[in-house]
């Protein structure tokens, strides 16, 4: 082995340690980059020179080389932010983002936002990919962009009303029955319920109860003339009616309703079923509305309609389901995030901006939902920090620096020896 070879060996040591310092510096620079995965320099020795000595042939090293820069894909610590659109993957998997050309990218950075069109995007404007839901909140199979910020909850017309009342046994008996011309004067008790038409319009129904004979009651649901024809008239109009019958113990024996569609102005006609309890004549136990010897009182009233609702906020479950809460009190699934899992995630191509692209060595992505197929869970209100260990990086930095210095000493020593050889000529 010549002195000139020693110079090149020393130079190879300096170059490899120089590369290691660059890798370490990049790790340290990204200590606060969300979702960043640190790397490490992998060295390899060079054994390419055969040496013939007295003991026979052997090999002499020719220095070191940078074999690879290996990405470390270990889990980073999770940082709570309390921002619902900040997401972290706990376990394996990458968020999928797409540009307008349809190119797909992958990231562990869950700092998401909604653009002016309501699409869920990454910080650099790429649209997040997942499974949109239909108007009924059912998640669909096809993967695509997630528009979750400009959604309204459509109205639902009231189809059923559940009412529980106590109609006092000692209330006056109106032998002539209920008269629409004098609703208050020919009834003993009144209940009010809000119902909705097919357009989401609110309508107040006054339900009048009239005792026609002991234990026998009629009920009449009344609205105004204007609610039916759009005028300003407030004349009362009966839109539903029926009877209630109670046994001597005050339990509900039977109930009837005169079925007829209600034609609220401008909306589709709708049938509303009134239910006052579990009537005995229909196999029930008589629970619900009662007729006890106490003052008449409204106990509860519920209906299944609602108005149009605007989106108030969204929540993301561990399986990636995005649920919206609307101003009309409704909660509905809007979409479900997709995650991509790779067999060799360390072989992904880093393209900057916290983004990766697939390569032949990484394999194709296995795309699915969080918590299935080996993919991790999604945590809302949290971000995955860089997995760089600063203590470890500074230790490696010292080792790389000392390696660089030591390799440089090889060169200076070989240089001094060459100088001695040159001086032999003097």
Protein backbone atom coordinates (compact mmCIF):
# COMPACT_ATOMS: atom_id res chain seq x y z
CA UNK A 1 0.00 0.00 0.00
CA UNK A 2 1.51 3.32 -1.07
CA UNK A 3 1.52 6.62 0.74
CA UNK A 4 -0.64 7.99 -2.04
CA UNK A 5 -3.28 5.38 -1.16
CA UNK A 6 -3.16 6.59 2.43
CA UNK A 7 -4.00 10.09 1.22
CA UNK A 8 -7.08 8.81 -0.59
CA UNK A 9 -8.10 6.65 2.37
CA UNK A 10 -7.94 9.69 4.63
CA UNK A 11 -9.93 11.68 2.10
CA UNK A 12 -12.64 9.00 1.99
CA UNK A 13 -12.91 9.14 5.77
CA UNK A 14 -13.33 12.92 5.64
CA UNK A 15 -15.97 12.69 2.92
CA UNK A 16 -18.06 10.06 4.69
CA UNK A 17 -17.98 11.92 7.99
CA UNK A 18 -18.72 15.14 6.14
CA UNK A 19 -21.84 13.46 4.72
CA UNK A 20 -22.79 12.24 8.18
CA UNK A 21 -22.56 15.77 9.53
CA UNK A 22 -24.88 16.93 6.75
CA UNK A 23 -27.46 14.24 7.65
CA UNK A 24 -27.22 15.12 11.35
CA UNK A 25 -27.53 18.83 10.57
CA UNK A 26 -30.69 18.17 8.55
CA UNK A 27 -32.16 16.21 11.44
CA UNK A 28 -31.40 19.00 13.89
CA UNK A 29 -32.80 21.64 11.52
CA UNK A 30 -36.11 19.72 11.40
CA UNK A 31 -36.39 19.09 15.14
CA UNK A 32 -39.66 21.10 15.16
CA UNK A 33 -41.01 19.97 11.78
CA UNK A 34 -44.33 18.19 12.32
CA UNK A 35 -44.27 14.58 11.13
CA UNK A 36 -40.59 14.71 10.18
CA UNK A 37 -38.73 11.40 10.10
CA UNK A 38 -35.04 11.62 10.88
CA UNK A 39 -32.31 9.84 8.92
CA UNK A 40 -28.92 8.36 9.66
CA UNK A 41 -25.81 7.97 7.52
CA UNK A 42 -24.79 4.36 6.95
CA UNK A 43 -21.08 3.80 6.24
CA UNK A 44 -19.47 0.91 4.39
CA UNK A 45 -15.80 -0.05 4.23
CA UNK A 46 -13.91 -0.49 0.97
CA UNK A 47 -11.99 -3.76 0.59
CA UNK A 48 -10.75 -3.76 -2.95
CA UNK A 49 -6.97 -4.12 -2.77
CA UNK A 50 -5.16 -7.45 -2.45
CA UNK A 51 -1.81 -7.46 -0.66
CA UNK A 52 0.78 -10.24 -1.05
CA UNK A 53 2.72 -10.64 2.17
CA UNK A 54 5.03 -13.24 3.64
CA UNK A 55 2.08 -15.06 5.13
CA UNK A 56 0.27 -15.13 1.80
CA UNK A 57 -2.35 -13.01 0.09
CA UNK A 58 -4.58 -10.74 2.14
CA UNK A 59 -6.78 -7.71 1.71
CA UNK A 60 -6.15 -4.11 2.68
CA UNK A 61 -8.93 -1.60 3.13
CA UNK A 62 -9.19 1.33 0.80
CA UNK A 63 -11.18 3.61 3.08
CA UNK A 64 -14.87 4.23 3.74
CA UNK A 65 -17.90 5.23 1.70
CA UNK A 66 -21.43 6.42 2.34
CA UNK A 67 -23.54 3.32 1.68
CA UNK A 68 -26.94 4.93 2.24
CA UNK A 69 -28.92 7.52 4.12
CA UNK A 70 -31.50 5.49 6.01
CA UNK A 71 -34.79 7.09 7.01
CA UNK A 72 -35.99 6.20 10.51
CA UNK A 73 -39.76 5.75 10.44
CA UNK A 74 -40.33 5.33 14.17
CA UNK A 75 -43.29 7.01 15.87
CA UNK A 76 -42.83 10.60 16.96
CA UNK A 77 -44.23 11.97 20.20
CA UNK A 78 -47.81 13.29 20.07
CA UNK A 79 -48.46 16.92 20.93
CA UNK A 80 -51.97 17.97 21.98
CA UNK A 81 -53.24 21.15 20.28
CA UNK A 82 -57.04 21.12 20.88
CA UNK A 83 -57.54 22.07 17.20
CA UNK A 84 -59.99 19.59 15.72
CA UNK A 85 -58.42 19.74 12.25
CA UNK A 86 -54.97 18.88 13.66
CA UNK A 87 -54.60 15.13 13.17
CA UNK A 88 -51.94 12.61 14.10
CA UNK A 89 -51.47 9.00 13.04
CA UNK A 90 -50.67 6.74 15.97
CA UNK A 91 -49.14 3.72 14.32
CA UNK A 92 -48.44 2.98 10.68
CA UNK A 93 -49.93 4.89 7.80
CA UNK A 94 -49.74 8.14 5.86
CA UNK A 95 -52.35 10.73 5.00
CA UNK A 96 -53.04 10.91 1.27
CA UNK A 97 -53.13 14.26 -0.55
CA UNK A 98 -53.71 15.08 -4.19
CA UNK A 99 -52.96 18.05 -6.45
CA UNK A 100 -55.23 19.33 -9.27
CA UNK A 101 -53.47 17.00 -11.73
CA UNK A 102 -54.46 13.96 -9.70
CA UNK A 103 -50.92 13.21 -8.49
CA UNK A 104 -50.94 11.55 -5.09
CA UNK A 105 -48.60 12.36 -2.24
CA UNK A 106 -48.24 11.02 1.28
CA UNK A 107 -47.54 12.79 4.55
CA UNK A 108 -47.46 12.34 8.30
CA UNK A 109 -48.09 16.04 8.85
CA UNK A 110 -51.69 16.39 10.00
CA UNK A 111 -51.83 20.20 10.10
CA UNK A 112 -54.99 20.47 8.03
CA UNK A 113 -57.31 23.31 7.08
CA UNK A 114 -60.39 24.02 4.97
CA UNK A 115 -60.04 26.07 1.81
CA UNK A 116 -62.55 28.60 0.50
CA UNK A 117 -64.50 25.83 -1.24
CA UNK A 118 -64.83 23.76 1.93
CA UNK A 119 -62.28 21.11 0.95
CA UNK A 120 -60.00 19.65 3.61
CA UNK A 121 -56.42 20.41 2.57
CA UNK A 122 -52.86 20.26 3.77
CA UNK A 123 -51.03 23.46 4.66
CA UNK A 124 -49.55 23.62 1.16
CA UNK A 125 -53.02 23.40 -0.45
CA UNK A 126 -53.19 19.73 -1.48
CA UNK A 127 -56.61 18.18 -1.04
CA UNK A 128 -56.84 15.38 1.48
CA UNK A 129 -58.21 12.09 0.18
CA UNK A 130 -60.82 9.83 1.74
CA UNK A 131 -64.28 8.38 1.36
CA UNK A 132 -67.07 11.00 1.02
CA UNK A 133 -70.50 10.39 2.53
CA UNK A 134 -73.80 10.78 0.69
CA UNK A 135 -76.63 13.08 1.74
CA UNK A 136 -77.84 10.51 4.27
CA UNK A 137 -74.44 10.29 5.98
CA UNK A 138 -73.55 6.88 4.53
CA UNK A 139 -69.84 6.52 3.71
CA UNK A 140 -69.25 5.67 0.05
CA UNK A 141 -66.63 3.31 -1.37
CA UNK A 142 -64.88 5.55 -3.91
CA UNK A 143 -61.91 7.58 -2.73
CA UNK A 144 -61.77 11.28 -3.58
CA UNK A 145 -61.52 14.86 -2.33
CA UNK A 146 -63.28 15.65 0.95
CA UNK A 147 -65.58 18.67 0.82
CA UNK A 148 -66.74 18.97 4.42
CA UNK A 149 -66.84 22.72 5.00
CA UNK A 150 -69.74 23.89 2.82
CA UNK A 151 -72.41 21.40 3.76
CA UNK A 152 -75.88 22.07 5.10
CA UNK A 153 -78.19 19.62 6.80
CA UNK A 154 -81.36 19.41 4.67
CA UNK A 155 -84.71 19.78 6.42
CA UNK A 156 -86.93 16.88 7.34
CA UNK A 157 -90.69 17.17 7.46
CA UNK A 158 -92.36 16.04 10.67
CA UNK A 159 -93.98 12.64 10.28
CA UNK A 160 -94.65 11.68 13.90
CA UNK A 161 -95.36 13.43 17.17
CA UNK A 162 -95.07 11.70 20.54
CA UNK A 163 -96.96 13.44 23.32
CA UNK A 164 -97.37 12.53 26.96
CA UNK A 165 -99.96 14.45 28.99
CA UNK A 166 -102.00 14.03 32.11
CA UNK A 167 -105.61 15.00 31.56
CA UNK A 168 -107.20 15.68 34.92
CA UNK A 169 -110.12 13.40 35.77
CA UNK A 170 -112.01 16.27 37.38
CA UNK A 171 -111.85 18.56 34.34
CA UNK A 172 -115.19 19.84 33.06
CA UNK A 173 -117.13 17.72 30.59
CA UNK A 174 -118.06 19.53 27.38
CA UNK A 175 -121.17 17.71 26.24
CA UNK A 176 -121.23 19.68 23.00
CA UNK A 177 -117.64 18.77 22.19
CA UNK A 178 -114.90 20.93 20.76
CA UNK A 179 -115.83 23.95 18.66
CA UNK A 180 -113.22 25.53 16.34
CA UNK A 181 -115.05 28.83 16.69
CA UNK A 182 -114.27 28.81 20.42
CA UNK A 183 -111.24 26.51 20.93
CA UNK A 184 -110.26 27.80 24.37
CA UNK A 185 -113.82 27.88 25.68
CA UNK A 186 -114.58 24.30 24.62
CA UNK A 187 -111.41 22.64 25.87
CA UNK A 188 -109.93 21.93 29.29
CA UNK A 189 -106.24 21.81 28.44
CA UNK A 190 -103.85 22.99 25.69
CA UNK A 191 -100.44 21.75 24.56
CA UNK A 192 -98.11 23.38 22.01
CA UNK A 193 -95.76 21.54 19.67
CA UNK A 194 -93.47 22.85 16.89
CA UNK A 195 -93.52 20.86 13.64
CA UNK A 196 -91.63 21.32 10.36
CA UNK A 197 -92.77 21.16 6.76
CA UNK A 198 -90.83 19.72 3.82
CA UNK A 199 -88.99 23.02 3.31
CA UNK A 200 -87.89 23.23 6.93
CA UNK A 201 -90.47 25.85 7.85
CA UNK A 202 -91.58 25.94 11.48
CA UNK A 203 -95.25 25.75 12.42
CA UNK A 204 -96.85 25.89 15.84
CA UNK A 205 -99.64 23.44 16.51
CA UNK A 206 -101.95 24.03 19.43
CA UNK A 207 -103.39 20.74 20.67
CA UNK A 208 -106.69 21.23 22.50
CA UNK A 209 -108.04 18.50 24.81
CA UNK A 210 -111.77 18.29 25.53
CA UNK A 211 -113.42 15.80 27.93
CA UNK A 212 -116.60 14.66 26.20
CA UNK A 213 -117.63 12.20 28.96
CA UNK A 214 -115.86 10.81 32.03
CA UNK A 215 -112.62 9.19 30.86
CA UNK A 216 -113.30 10.06 27.21
CA UNK A 217 -111.41 12.89 25.54
CA UNK A 218 -111.12 14.41 22.10
CA UNK A 219 -108.00 16.18 20.89
CA UNK A 220 -107.63 18.68 18.06
CA UNK A 221 -104.42 19.98 16.55
CA UNK A 222 -104.96 23.53 15.35
CA UNK A 223 -102.91 25.96 13.26
CA UNK A 224 -103.66 29.32 11.65
CA UNK A 225 -105.24 29.92 8.27
CA UNK A 226 -102.08 31.76 7.19
CA UNK A 227 -99.92 28.67 7.77
CA UNK A 228 -102.06 26.86 5.18
CA UNK A 229 -102.59 29.51 2.50
CA UNK A 230 -99.77 32.00 3.09
CA UNK A 231 -102.08 34.83 4.07
CA UNK A 232 -101.97 36.98 7.19
CA UNK A 233 -105.16 35.42 8.54
CA UNK A 234 -104.95 33.96 12.04
CA UNK A 235 -108.27 32.09 12.00
CA UNK A 236 -107.78 28.68 13.66
CA UNK A 237 -107.94 25.59 11.45
CA UNK A 238 -108.04 21.95 12.60
CA UNK A 239 -105.36 19.91 10.81
CA UNK A 240 -105.54 16.71 12.90
CA UNK A 241 -107.92 15.28 15.47
CA UNK A 242 -108.77 12.13 17.37
CA UNK A 243 -109.89 10.62 20.64
CA UNK A 244 -108.34 9.28 23.84
CA UNK A 245 -109.93 6.79 26.21
CA UNK A 246 -108.79 6.03 29.78
CA UNK A 247 -109.79 3.26 32.19
CA UNK A 248 -110.82 3.85 35.84
CA UNK A 249 -107.17 3.59 36.91
CA UNK A 250 -106.23 6.47 34.61
CA UNK A 251 -104.31 4.40 32.06
CA UNK A 252 -104.59 4.86 28.32
CA UNK A 253 -106.95 2.29 26.83
CA UNK A 254 -107.17 3.46 23.24
CA UNK A 255 -106.45 6.35 20.93
CA UNK A 256 -107.67 7.26 17.47
CA UNK A 257 -106.71 9.77 14.81
CA UNK A 258 -108.56 11.09 11.81
CA UNK A 259 -105.80 10.81 9.22
CA UNK A 260 -105.53 13.57 6.63
CA UNK A 261 -102.51 15.20 4.96
CA UNK A 262 -101.61 18.67 6.18
CA UNK A 263 -101.10 21.20 3.32
CA UNK A 264 -98.68 23.75 4.77
CA UNK A 265 -98.30 26.66 2.37
CA UNK A 266 -95.60 26.19 -0.30
CA UNK A 267 -94.57 22.77 1.00
CA UNK A 268 -95.49 19.23 0.13
CA UNK A 269 -98.49 17.77 1.88
CA UNK A 270 -97.48 15.70 4.87
CA UNK A 271 -99.07 13.17 7.16
CA UNK A 272 -98.29 13.51 10.85
CA UNK A 273 -99.03 10.63 13.18
CA UNK A 274 -99.81 11.58 16.79
CA UNK A 275 -98.96 9.04 19.47
CA UNK A 276 -100.05 9.55 23.07
CA UNK A 277 -98.79 6.33 24.63
CA UNK A 278 -98.79 2.53 24.69
CA UNK A 279 -102.52 1.86 24.52
CA UNK A 280 -103.92 -1.24 26.21
CA UNK A 281 -106.30 -2.08 23.34
CA UNK A 282 -103.31 -2.51 21.06
CA UNK A 283 -101.49 -4.89 23.38
CA UNK A 284 -99.64 -2.22 25.35
CA UNK A 285 -99.42 -1.64 29.07
CA UNK A 286 -101.16 1.70 29.11
CA UNK A 287 -98.05 3.76 29.83
CA UNK A 288 -97.72 7.26 28.45
CA UNK A 289 -100.56 9.71 28.71
CA UNK A 290 -102.76 9.39 31.80
CA UNK A 291 -105.96 10.69 33.30
CA UNK A 292 -105.27 10.87 37.01
CA UNK A 293 -107.05 12.89 39.64
CA UNK A 294 -104.61 15.77 39.42
CA UNK A 295 -104.23 18.94 37.41
CA UNK A 296 -103.81 18.58 33.67
CA UNK A 297 -100.19 18.97 32.66
CA UNK A 298 -97.89 18.58 29.69
CA UNK A 299 -95.20 15.99 30.48
CA UNK A 300 -93.27 15.65 27.24
CA UNK A 301 -93.57 16.32 23.53
CA UNK A 302 -91.22 15.13 20.78
CA UNK A 303 -91.33 15.14 17.01
CA UNK A 304 -88.98 13.87 14.30
CA UNK A 305 -88.74 16.90 11.98
CA UNK A 306 -86.10 19.60 11.82
CA UNK A 307 -85.20 22.75 9.91
CA UNK A 308 -82.24 23.41 7.63
CA UNK A 309 -78.97 23.37 9.57
CA UNK A 310 -75.64 25.05 8.90
CA UNK A 311 -72.40 23.36 9.87
CA UNK A 312 -71.10 24.49 13.27
CA UNK A 313 -68.02 22.30 13.74
CA UNK A 314 -66.55 18.92 12.83
CA UNK A 315 -65.05 16.11 14.87
CA UNK A 316 -62.77 13.31 13.71
CA UNK A 317 -62.95 9.83 15.25
CA UNK A 318 -60.09 7.38 15.68
CA UNK A 319 -61.23 5.55 12.54
CA UNK A 320 -61.02 8.80 10.56
CA UNK A 321 -64.77 9.41 10.36
CA UNK A 322 -65.49 13.13 10.09
CA UNK A 323 -68.76 13.99 11.84
CA UNK A 324 -70.44 17.35 11.44
CA UNK A 325 -72.64 19.03 14.05
CA UNK A 326 -75.28 21.34 12.59
CA UNK A 327 -77.26 24.27 13.94
CA UNK A 328 -80.48 22.22 13.83
CA UNK A 329 -79.02 19.79 16.36
CA UNK A 330 -78.25 17.07 13.83
CA UNK A 331 -75.01 15.10 13.74
CA UNK A 332 -74.04 13.38 10.53
CA UNK A 333 -71.03 11.63 9.05
CA UNK A 334 -69.50 13.78 6.30
CA UNK A 335 -66.57 11.63 5.18
CA UNK A 336 -63.93 9.18 6.35
CA UNK A 337 -60.21 9.79 5.95
CA UNK A 338 -58.07 7.29 4.09
CA UNK A 339 -54.61 6.13 5.16
CA UNK A 340 -51.90 4.53 3.03
CA UNK A 341 -49.62 1.82 4.40
CA UNK A 342 -46.35 0.77 2.72
CA UNK A 343 -44.32 -2.38 3.12
CA UNK A 344 -41.10 -0.34 3.03
CA UNK A 345 -42.00 3.20 4.14
CA UNK A 346 -38.31 4.10 4.62
CA UNK A 347 -37.93 3.79 0.83
CA UNK A 348 -40.44 6.55 0.06
CA UNK A 349 -39.10 9.49 -1.91
CA UNK A 350 -39.02 12.73 0.11
CA UNK A 351 -39.95 15.63 -2.16
CA UNK A 352 -40.03 18.42 0.44
CA UNK A 353 -42.90 20.16 2.14
CA UNK A 354 -43.42 17.16 4.46
CA UNK A 355 -44.49 15.14 1.42
CA UNK A 356 -43.44 11.76 0.08
CA UNK A 357 -44.06 9.96 -3.17
CA UNK A 358 -44.08 6.22 -3.73
CA UNK A 359 -41.17 4.44 -5.35
CA UNK A 360 -40.65 0.96 -6.74
CA UNK A 361 -38.67 0.04 -3.64
CA UNK A 362 -41.34 1.32 -1.23
CA UNK A 363 -44.03 -0.75 -2.91
CA UNK A 364 -47.51 0.36 -3.79
CA UNK A 365 -49.69 1.81 -1.02
CA UNK A 366 -52.32 -0.33 0.71
CA UNK A 367 -55.12 2.23 1.06
CA UNK A 368 -57.92 1.86 3.57
CA UNK A 369 -59.37 3.24 6.77
CA UNK A 370 -57.62 3.90 10.05
CA UNK A 371 -57.49 1.05 12.54
CA UNK A 372 -57.80 -1.64 9.84
CA UNK A 373 -55.28 -3.60 7.80
CA UNK A 374 -52.35 -2.73 10.04
CA UNK A 375 -52.99 1.00 9.76
CA UNK A 376 -52.86 3.10 12.92
CA UNK A 377 -55.52 5.20 14.60
CA UNK A 378 -56.16 8.87 13.87
CA UNK A 379 -56.12 11.22 16.84
CA UNK A 380 -57.89 14.55 16.54
CA UNK A 381 -56.53 17.65 18.28
CA UNK A 382 -52.97 16.31 18.20
CA UNK A 383 -49.90 16.45 15.97
CA UNK A 384 -47.00 14.03 15.60
CA UNK A 385 -43.73 15.72 16.43
CA UNK A 386 -40.41 15.02 14.73
CA UNK A 387 -38.92 11.71 15.82
CA UNK A 388 -35.44 13.27 16.03
CA UNK A 389 -33.71 12.70 19.40
CA UNK A 390 -31.64 15.82 19.99
CA UNK A 391 -29.39 14.16 22.57
CA UNK A 392 -28.60 11.35 20.17
CA UNK A 393 -27.98 13.77 17.30
CA UNK A 394 -25.48 15.86 19.26
CA UNK A 395 -23.66 12.71 20.33
CA UNK A 396 -23.48 11.56 16.72
CA UNK A 397 -22.34 15.04 15.72
CA UNK A 398 -19.37 14.79 18.08
CA UNK A 399 -18.49 11.34 16.73
CA UNK A 400 -18.71 12.53 13.13
CA UNK A 401 -16.57 15.58 13.95
CA UNK A 402 -13.91 13.42 15.61
CA UNK A 403 -14.00 11.00 12.71
CA UNK A 404 -13.48 13.87 10.29
CA UNK A 405 -10.56 15.20 12.35
CA UNK A 406 -8.98 11.78 12.68
CA UNK A 407 -9.25 11.14 8.95
CA UNK A 408 -7.62 14.50 8.28
CA UNK A 409 -4.69 13.42 10.50
CA UNK A 410 -4.18 10.46 8.20
CA UNK A 411 -3.69 12.87 5.32
CA UNK A 412 -1.30 15.18 7.19
CA UNK A 413 0.73 12.20 8.42
CA UNK A 414 0.96 10.74 4.92
CA UNK A 415 1.95 14.19 3.63
CA UNK A 416 4.76 14.45 6.18
CA UNK A 417 6.00 10.99 5.22
CA UNK A 418 5.96 11.96 1.53
CA UNK A 419 7.96 15.08 2.40
CA UNK A 420 10.58 12.87 4.04
CA UNK A 421 10.76 10.77 0.88
CA UNK A 422 11.29 13.88 -1.23
CA UNK A 423 14.00 15.04 1.14
CA UNK A 424 15.97 11.84 0.50
CA UNK A 425 17.06 13.43 -2.78
CA UNK A 426 18.86 16.26 -1.04
